[in-house]
Amino acid sequence: MSVRFGAFAFHADRRQVLRDGTAVHLTPKAFDLLGLLIERAPAVVSKAEIHERLWPDTFISEATVAGLVKELRRALSDDRAGALIRTAHRVGFAFTGSTDDQAPTSIAPAVTHWLVLGTQRIELRDGVNVIGRDPDAAVSLDVPNVSRRHAQIVLENAAATLEDLGSKNGTLLGDRPVRGRVELHNADRIQVASELLVYHVSGRGVSTATQPIPLSESDRGR
């Protein structure tokens, strides 16, 4: 299912929401809730059905659903109550935006993420991409001072975040140690122990040629 409403485009197969071509960040459950509401629009989806579809066999409070609705309204700039998501008090919620089905040819190209290591180009996949010495890692670095599971890049709804996995020699984003999850932006430099990686993202796919990374004076001294 791919639909457009106002400045937004919802792509169920790619798990993406775009606003004028730019990715809108949503947590997985918020994305699933938006998909359910669009699928059933303009009908009201009861809280019981939302619970059953999003959290089968799991107890959650009504506050959890309310929090997801609040997240959706904030992400969709739904400042006027009921403009896109209407609350049916004590019953559930309904999507009230005007939608247009999108033909496959009108869908924007998928966003592509990749890392550059010297002259090597490593494409990243949706979900978790582990960086480390483990041969099974998505980004395998056969270097002694790199931990087996050193760090990870998580791709979710076209956004990328970097996290150190308790490595011995640490991970830097630019010149700052990585603490918790940090968001990545195009051309960010990631130092994994002694290895320098450069993160790239593009809506036009991976470039066909990769040049070696120019080293700074501090890099040359390592």
Protein backbone atom coordinates (compact mmCIF):
# COMPACT_ATOMS: atom_id res chain seq x y z
CA MET A 1 0.00 0.00 0.00
CA SER A 2 1.31 3.41 -1.02
CA VAL A 3 -0.85 6.48 -0.45
CA ARG A 4 -0.37 10.23 -0.40
CA PHE A 5 -2.07 12.68 1.94
CA GLY A 6 -1.17 16.35 1.72
CA ALA A 7 2.60 16.73 1.76
CA PHE A 8 3.06 13.16 3.03
CA ALA A 9 3.52 9.80 1.32
CA PHE A 10 3.05 6.50 3.16
CA HIS A 11 4.82 3.40 1.75
CA ALA A 12 3.88 0.22 3.60
CA ASP A 13 6.26 -2.07 1.70
CA ARG A 14 9.29 0.14 2.37
CA ARG A 15 8.11 1.10 5.88
CA GLN A 16 8.63 4.75 5.05
CA VAL A 17 6.75 7.98 5.57
CA LEU A 18 8.03 10.88 3.47
CA ARG A 19 7.22 14.58 3.71
CA ASP A 20 7.99 16.34 0.43
CA GLY A 21 10.50 13.56 -0.26
CA THR A 22 12.22 13.74 3.15
CA ALA A 23 11.94 10.81 5.56
CA VAL A 24 9.80 11.30 8.68
CA HIS A 25 11.09 9.36 11.70
CA LEU A 26 8.54 7.10 13.40
CA THR A 27 9.06 4.29 15.86
CA PRO A 28 8.03 0.85 14.49
CA LYS A 29 4.80 0.69 16.52
CA ALA A 30 3.80 4.24 15.52
CA PHE A 31 4.38 3.30 11.87
CA ASP A 32 2.23 0.17 12.30
CA LEU A 33 -0.54 2.20 13.93
CA LEU A 34 -0.54 4.74 11.11
CA GLY A 35 -0.74 1.91 8.56
CA LEU A 36 -3.69 0.36 10.39
CA LEU A 37 -5.57 3.66 10.61
CA ILE A 38 -4.98 4.40 6.91
CA GLU A 39 -6.01 0.87 5.96
CA ARG A 40 -9.33 1.21 7.81
CA ALA A 41 -10.02 4.88 7.02
CA PRO A 42 -12.42 6.56 7.45
CA ALA A 43 -13.74 3.99 9.94
CA VAL A 44 -12.90 4.24 13.63
CA VAL A 45 -10.45 1.55 14.76
CA SER A 46 -11.29 0.44 18.27
CA LYS A 47 -8.69 0.38 21.02
CA ALA A 48 -9.28 -3.36 21.33
CA GLU A 49 -8.43 -3.93 17.64
CA ILE A 50 -5.34 -1.71 17.90
CA HIS A 51 -4.22 -3.76 20.91
CA GLU A 52 -4.84 -7.04 19.07
CA ARG A 53 -3.04 -5.97 15.89
CA LEU A 54 -0.02 -4.26 17.45
CA TRP A 55 0.45 -6.19 20.70
CA PRO A 56 -1.05 -9.68 20.31
CA ASP A 57 -0.99 -11.68 23.55
CA THR A 58 0.68 -8.78 25.39
CA PHE A 59 -0.81 -6.53 28.06
CA ILE A 60 -0.39 -2.79 27.50
CA SER A 61 -2.09 0.21 29.08
CA GLU A 62 -4.30 2.73 27.27
CA ALA A 63 -1.57 5.29 27.92
CA THR A 64 0.71 3.36 25.54
CA VAL A 65 -1.76 3.74 22.66
CA ALA A 66 -2.33 7.39 23.54
CA GLY A 67 1.44 7.92 23.46
CA LEU A 68 1.67 6.47 19.94
CA VAL A 69 -1.17 8.71 18.74
CA LYS A 70 0.63 11.71 20.24
CA GLU A 71 3.83 10.66 18.42
CA LEU A 72 1.96 10.40 15.11
CA ARG A 73 0.32 13.80 15.50
CA ARG A 74 3.65 15.39 16.32
CA ALA A 75 5.43 13.70 13.37
CA LEU A 76 2.64 14.63 10.96
CA SER A 77 2.40 18.22 12.27
CA ASP A 78 -1.21 17.43 13.16
CA ASP A 79 -1.58 20.48 15.39
CA ARG A 80 -5.33 20.85 14.99
CA ALA A 81 -7.14 18.15 16.97
CA GLY A 82 -8.75 15.69 14.56
CA ALA A 83 -7.24 17.18 11.37
CA LEU A 84 -5.60 13.85 10.44
CA ILE A 85 -6.23 11.55 13.39
CA ARG A 86 -9.60 11.85 15.09
CA THR A 87 -10.25 10.60 18.59
CA ALA A 88 -13.54 8.79 19.09
CA HIS A 89 -13.74 9.15 22.85
CA ARG A 90 -13.88 5.85 24.77
CA VAL A 91 -13.88 3.95 21.44
CA GLY A 92 -10.74 4.43 19.38
CA PHE A 93 -9.16 6.50 16.60
CA ALA A 94 -9.74 7.21 12.92
CA PHE A 95 -7.59 8.56 10.10
CA THR A 96 -9.45 11.46 8.46
CA GLY A 97 -6.86 12.70 5.95
CA SER A 98 -7.72 12.71 2.26
CA THR A 99 -5.62 9.99 0.58
CA ASP A 100 -4.73 9.22 -3.02
CA ASP A 101 -3.42 5.81 -4.08
CA GLN A 102 -0.01 6.07 -5.73
CA ALA A 103 0.88 4.14 -8.83
CA PRO A 104 4.20 2.25 -8.55
CA THR A 105 5.82 4.59 -11.07
CA SER A 106 5.15 7.60 -8.83
CA ILE A 107 6.98 6.18 -5.81
CA ALA A 108 10.20 8.03 -5.00
CA PRO A 109 13.44 6.02 -5.24
CA ALA A 110 14.40 4.15 -2.09
CA VAL A 111 16.92 5.75 0.22
CA THR A 112 20.29 3.95 0.17
CA HIS A 113 22.85 3.93 2.99
CA TRP A 114 26.46 2.83 2.73
CA LEU A 115 29.89 3.09 4.34
CA VAL A 116 33.21 3.84 2.68
CA LEU A 117 36.38 2.19 4.04
CA GLY A 118 39.37 3.29 1.97
CA THR A 119 38.33 2.31 -1.58
CA GLN A 120 35.81 -0.26 -0.33
CA ARG A 121 32.08 0.50 -0.39
CA ILE A 122 29.80 -1.41 2.01
CA GLU A 123 26.04 -1.10 1.52
CA LEU A 124 23.92 -1.17 4.69
CA ARG A 125 20.60 -2.98 5.04
CA ASP A 126 17.43 -2.16 6.95
CA GLY A 127 17.61 -3.10 10.62
CA VAL A 128 20.79 -3.80 12.59
CA ASN A 129 24.21 -3.66 10.90
CA VAL A 130 26.91 -4.88 13.29
CA ILE A 131 30.46 -3.55 12.82
CA GLY A 132 33.26 -5.72 14.21
CA ARG A 133 35.85 -8.44 13.85
CA ASP A 134 33.22 -11.19 13.71
CA PRO A 135 33.22 -12.67 10.16
CA ASP A 136 29.42 -12.71 10.28
CA ALA A 137 29.18 -8.98 11.02
CA ALA A 138 27.50 -6.82 8.37
CA VAL A 139 30.67 -4.71 8.32
CA SER A 140 33.52 -7.15 9.05
CA LEU A 141 36.85 -5.54 10.04
CA ASP A 142 39.66 -8.08 10.44
CA VAL A 143 41.78 -5.84 12.66
CA PRO A 144 43.13 -6.91 16.12
CA ASN A 145 42.11 -3.77 18.01
CA VAL A 146 38.51 -3.97 16.76
CA SER A 147 36.15 -5.92 19.05
CA ARG A 148 34.19 -8.86 17.66
CA ARG A 149 30.96 -6.87 18.04
CA HIS A 150 32.33 -3.35 18.23
CA ALA A 151 29.45 -1.08 17.18
CA GLN A 152 26.24 -1.12 15.19
CA ILE A 153 24.33 1.06 12.75
CA VAL A 154 20.55 0.70 12.85
CA LEU A 155 18.47 1.71 9.81
CA GLU A 156 14.84 2.37 10.63
CA ASN A 157 12.31 4.35 8.57
CA ALA A 158 15.16 5.72 6.42
CA ALA A 159 16.98 7.15 9.48
CA ALA A 160 20.35 5.82 10.68
CA THR A 161 21.72 5.69 14.22
CA LEU A 162 25.15 4.61 15.52
CA GLU A 163 25.80 2.85 18.84
CA ASP A 164 28.94 1.49 20.47
CA LEU A 165 28.48 -2.07 21.79
CA GLY A 166 30.77 -1.79 24.82
CA SER A 167 33.93 -2.12 22.72
CA LYS A 168 37.37 -2.10 24.33
CA ASN A 169 38.84 0.67 22.15
CA GLY A 170 35.73 2.77 21.61
CA THR A 171 33.90 4.40 18.71
CA LEU A 172 34.11 8.05 17.66
CA LEU A 173 31.67 10.09 15.59
CA GLY A 174 33.83 12.88 14.28
CA ASP A 175 35.99 13.60 17.31
CA ARG A 176 33.40 12.70 19.95
CA PRO A 177 33.04 9.34 21.74
CA VAL A 178 29.75 7.62 20.98
CA ARG A 179 27.55 7.37 24.09
CA GLY A 180 24.20 5.65 23.58
CA ARG A 181 22.52 6.00 20.19
CA VAL A 182 23.46 8.97 18.02
CA GLU A 183 21.91 9.98 14.71
CA LEU A 184 24.03 9.79 11.56
CA HIS A 185 24.13 12.34 8.74
CA ASN A 186 25.62 12.19 5.27
CA ALA A 187 29.45 12.28 5.20
CA ASP A 188 29.79 11.63 8.95
CA ARG A 189 33.23 10.16 9.84
CA ILE A 190 33.15 7.11 12.14
CA GLN A 191 36.30 5.93 13.89
CA VAL A 192 36.07 2.26 14.94
CA ALA A 193 39.26 1.73 16.95
CA SER A 194 41.95 2.36 14.26
CA GLU A 195 39.56 2.07 11.29
CA LEU A 196 38.01 5.14 9.62
CA LEU A 197 34.58 4.73 8.00
CA VAL A 198 32.54 7.41 6.26
CA TYR A 199 28.75 7.14 6.26
CA HIS A 200 26.72 8.15 3.19
CA VAL A 201 23.00 8.33 2.46
CA SER A 202 21.29 9.12 -0.84
CA GLY A 203 17.83 8.93 -2.40
CA ARG A 204 19.45 8.23 -5.76
CA GLY A 205 21.19 4.99 -4.80
CA VAL A 206 24.86 4.17 -4.22
CA SER A 207 27.31 6.10 -6.37
CA THR A 208 29.06 4.10 -9.08
CA ALA A 209 32.57 5.19 -8.12
CA THR A 210 34.20 5.58 -4.75
CA GLN A 211 37.34 7.61 -4.17
CA PRO A 212 39.75 6.93 -1.27
CA ILE A 213 38.93 8.91 1.87
CA PRO A 214 41.17 11.99 2.18
CA LEU A 215 42.97 11.79 5.53
CA SER A 216 43.29 14.74 7.85
CA GLU A 217 46.59 15.56 9.53
CA SER A 218 45.39 13.87 12.74
CA ASP A 219 44.40 10.74 10.76
CA ARG A 220 47.85 10.52 9.16
CA GLY A 221 49.42 10.55 12.59
CA ARG A 222 47.55 7.41 13.75
